[in-house]
Protein backbone atom coordinates (compact mmCIF):
# COMPACT_ATOMS: atom_id res chain seq x y z
CA UNK A 1 9.41 43.52 9.23
CA UNK A 2 9.41 39.45 8.35
CA UNK A 3 9.43 36.55 10.52
CA UNK A 4 9.84 33.12 10.13
CA UNK A 5 9.39 29.97 12.14
CA UNK A 6 11.88 27.04 11.74
CA UNK A 7 10.85 23.28 13.05
CA UNK A 8 14.04 21.83 13.87
CA UNK A 9 12.23 18.36 14.92
CA UNK A 10 8.77 17.31 16.02
CA UNK A 11 6.87 14.15 16.59
CA UNK A 12 4.35 15.10 14.33
CA UNK A 13 6.56 14.70 11.10
CA UNK A 14 8.00 11.28 12.19
CA UNK A 15 4.31 9.91 12.89
CA UNK A 16 2.79 11.27 9.74
CA UNK A 17 5.58 9.71 7.90
CA UNK A 18 5.40 6.56 9.70
CA UNK A 19 1.65 6.01 8.77
CA UNK A 20 2.61 7.20 4.95
CA UNK A 21 5.29 4.47 4.91
CA UNK A 22 2.84 2.13 6.82
CA UNK A 23 -0.32 3.09 4.31
CA UNK A 24 1.70 3.09 1.06
CA UNK A 25 2.72 -0.76 2.23
CA UNK A 26 -1.05 -1.75 2.92
CA UNK A 27 -1.95 -0.14 -0.22
CA UNK A 28 0.63 -1.55 -2.21
CA UNK A 29 -0.39 -5.34 -0.85
CA UNK A 30 -4.21 -4.82 -1.58
CA UNK A 31 -3.46 -3.54 -5.44
CA UNK A 32 -0.97 -6.81 -6.08
CA UNK A 33 -4.00 -8.77 -5.14
CA UNK A 34 -6.23 -7.02 -7.43
CA UNK A 35 -3.80 -6.30 -10.29
CA UNK A 36 -3.58 -10.70 -9.68
CA UNK A 37 -7.76 -10.42 -10.09
CA UNK A 38 -7.41 -8.39 -13.35
CA UNK A 39 -4.94 -10.90 -14.61
CA UNK A 40 -7.59 -13.67 -13.58
CA UNK A 41 -10.62 -11.67 -15.12
CA UNK A 42 -8.84 -10.79 -18.15
CA UNK A 43 -7.57 -14.29 -19.30
CA UNK A 44 -10.95 -15.41 -18.82
CA UNK A 45 -12.54 -13.39 -21.14
CA UNK A 46 -9.51 -12.46 -24.01
CA UNK A 47 -10.04 -14.50 -27.21
CA UNK A 48 -7.69 -17.60 -27.29
CA UNK A 49 -6.54 -19.38 -30.61
CA UNK A 50 -3.40 -20.65 -29.26
CA UNK A 51 -2.97 -19.42 -25.98
CA UNK A 52 0.02 -17.00 -26.10
CA UNK A 53 -1.84 -14.01 -26.05
CA UNK A 54 -3.17 -14.79 -22.70
CA UNK A 55 -0.14 -15.90 -21.28
CA UNK A 56 1.08 -12.42 -21.79
CA UNK A 57 -1.04 -10.75 -19.54
CA UNK A 58 0.85 -8.92 -17.07
CA UNK A 59 0.11 -6.99 -13.96
CA UNK A 60 3.30 -5.35 -12.59
CA UNK A 61 4.47 -2.44 -10.05
CA UNK A 62 6.59 0.12 -11.37
CA UNK A 63 7.48 2.44 -8.98
CA UNK A 64 6.07 3.54 -5.51
CA UNK A 65 2.44 3.10 -6.66
CA UNK A 66 2.41 3.06 -10.29
CA UNK A 67 1.11 0.05 -11.77
CA UNK A 68 1.06 -1.39 -15.01
CA UNK A 69 -1.86 -3.90 -16.48
CA UNK A 70 -1.56 -4.95 -19.92
CA UNK A 71 -0.20 -8.02 -22.83
CA UNK A 72 3.12 -7.95 -23.98
CA UNK A 73 2.26 -9.85 -27.24
CA UNK A 74 3.09 -8.13 -30.21
CA UNK A 75 -0.24 -8.25 -31.39
CA UNK A 76 -2.34 -7.41 -28.10
CA UNK A 77 -3.06 -3.89 -29.07
CA UNK A 78 -4.97 -5.14 -32.35
CA UNK A 79 -6.70 -7.57 -30.75
CA UNK A 80 -7.80 -4.78 -27.86
CA UNK A 81 -8.67 -2.21 -30.10
CA UNK A 82 -9.66 -3.94 -33.44
CA UNK A 83 -8.53 -2.78 -37.01
CA UNK A 84 -10.33 -2.14 -40.35
CA UNK A 85 -10.91 -5.96 -40.87
CA UNK A 86 -10.99 -7.18 -37.66
CA UNK A 87 -13.44 -5.75 -34.80
CA UNK A 88 -12.00 -5.16 -31.70
CA UNK A 89 -11.90 -8.18 -28.88
CA UNK A 90 -11.24 -6.22 -25.80
CA UNK A 91 -9.88 -7.80 -22.53
CA UNK A 92 -7.58 -5.22 -21.31
CA UNK A 93 -10.52 -2.18 -20.78
CA UNK A 94 -13.34 -4.40 -19.66
CA UNK A 95 -10.83 -5.81 -16.49
CA UNK A 96 -9.30 -2.14 -15.64
CA UNK A 97 -13.51 -1.02 -16.02
CA UNK A 98 -14.51 -3.87 -13.44
CA UNK A 99 -11.83 -3.69 -10.88
CA UNK A 100 -11.09 0.18 -10.73
CA UNK A 101 -13.51 0.43 -7.81
CA UNK A 102 -11.85 -1.89 -6.27
CA UNK A 103 -8.27 0.10 -6.33
CA UNK A 104 -10.19 3.36 -5.13
CA UNK A 105 -11.86 0.97 -1.91
CA UNK A 106 -8.38 -0.32 -1.35
CA UNK A 107 -6.87 3.19 -0.87
CA UNK A 108 -10.08 4.60 1.40
CA UNK A 109 -9.71 1.31 3.36
CA UNK A 110 -5.94 1.87 3.89
CA UNK A 111 -6.23 5.13 5.45
CA UNK A 112 -9.42 4.10 6.96
CA UNK A 113 -6.92 1.59 9.27
CA UNK A 114 -3.92 4.26 9.13
CA UNK A 115 -6.04 6.65 10.89
CA UNK A 116 -7.39 4.37 13.40
CA UNK A 117 -4.30 3.02 14.36
């Protein structure tokens, strides 16, 4: 003996879809704000000789709620991680560490707002 239940249409699904879209939009806006703050922070601590490395620091949305933060200068990795002959001068990792909790707070705040109304 077996049985199945098939829901053709219900109001809860539509409501949850609406909340999900609204939630994602709120989180996205807040993440972009935090990303801008990360760029500023990293720009303040990056070692500067010509200013090129600082000018290549970025925070961009990749897809959905996926983002990329870094610097596009060819030598950015070596400045961040160091070499045999040069000590590391991190500027990306410290920015991520400082702002990570803000990303989590943004998600929690958006969920709380979505649940309220």
